[in-house]
């Protein structure tokens, strides 16, 4: 079916033709007619299937009539990360070359003043991350009462990042009569609840089995020791020995691991860049641009790069860490093997990761081939015993970042991908008394309390025995238990 049969305007069809596309993808062919008919749409499709154009193209056709008003956007698109939001903006620029529509991007890491100036002039399309959108709304700089169409993209990623309460709040701010387009790759119970609450008689479109992986991707597991230096050595040997390696994305579970692995690969003279949520927006954009343009061969990233980034020709994906949640595996390896190309996904597995691998294989409905000797059940059992003896997985037991990186100017969330023990140094976790020398601890112990002798009410105090105001009596001077502990530490003065 060509684009000409979908009901798109002549301007949009001309832009699509100039971009080199002749036939729509399955989700585009099924979704665009329903969007143009003003129906709510629930689209379920794995990454790389053309979901962005499935709502961008009909929106351009619908926005040809009407005009924008100051601070009242006509359409609103919510994205979980800055990179996805910027990618959607690029799609509007590419397909809207024949339109005179205004587009604004509200993301963290960018000046509020510049964003506010665009809102003041009026925008037809507002693309935003939830945190920054609410920041503008709470400042009184934005009204959502004029939104005619709401798009919630990568909804399951919104759930992972903790944005669902924000999404519910935003959905209640926009008019009840708006049209809603809801796109997700998976349908966990919480996402199902949201769709039932905010979509009105939606058309459900599912172009791929949920949690399936592309058949063009060759998947392998490679065992490694559990020590960090062993994993880094395994990764270097895999990269050096990879066949037809053009470029690769290397995924880690935590931001700190991204930084450590990046420095290690750089030290071993690999062409590498890093991408994680603690980087400012200009650095993230520069790293992506260098990788997309081929100036950098390896991109070490957290799960911020696992969803929807438009890098069409990635030959390899390496999971340096086995993802804690099986759904993340599907999205990570979906960065390769896109648009019918061949790709390779290799996951490094330690003896501790046996249950994680089993969960992944259960989710995708297939076994993953081992590229080396598999981890035995005895090794996995030994690793579990060591973990229980050591009090758990420690710093590796976290979840992907909860969205603090996308909250715009808000502070206080931090990186929740790490438990408190992993975020604090050892000295901060130990009691202060355990870190001090014994002599100091003994000197800080309060002297025994001296009981104050009873004084007869009839006995008048001697005139000369009156003490200055604020000074304790002589028999009370030895009692220092009422003083703060830091005042009781010994102080050493060094003569000049």
Foldseek 3Di string as FASTA:
>chain_A
DFPVPLPFDPLLSVLCVVVPDTHAFVLLSPQSNCVLVLAAAEEAEFAQRPVLCSPLRSLLRVLQDDDFAAQEEAAEEEDQALLQLVVSVVVCVRSVVVDDFFEAEFFALDDPVVRLVSNRVGGHYYYYYLQRVVVCVVVVSHAQANYQEYEYEQVVVLVQQQNVVSVVVVLVRYDLNHHYYYYHHACDPVNVVVCVVRHDPHDYHYDDPRLAADPLEAEAEEEWAPDPVGLLVVVVVCVVPPPPQQAEEEEDADPVVQVVSQVVVVVVPAQEDEAELVDRPVRNVVRVVCCLVSVGRYYYYYLSPLPHRPSAAGAEYEYSDLAPALSSVRSRQNNHCHPNHHHYYYYYDYLCCPVSQVNNCVSNVHHHHYPDDDRDPVSNVVVVVVQVVVPHPAFQPFGAHNSPSTNHPDDDRPGRRGPPRVVDDPCVVDDPLVVDDPVQNVQLDADDADDDDDDDPPDDDDPVLDDDPPDDDPSGPSGPPVPDSVVRGDDDDDDD
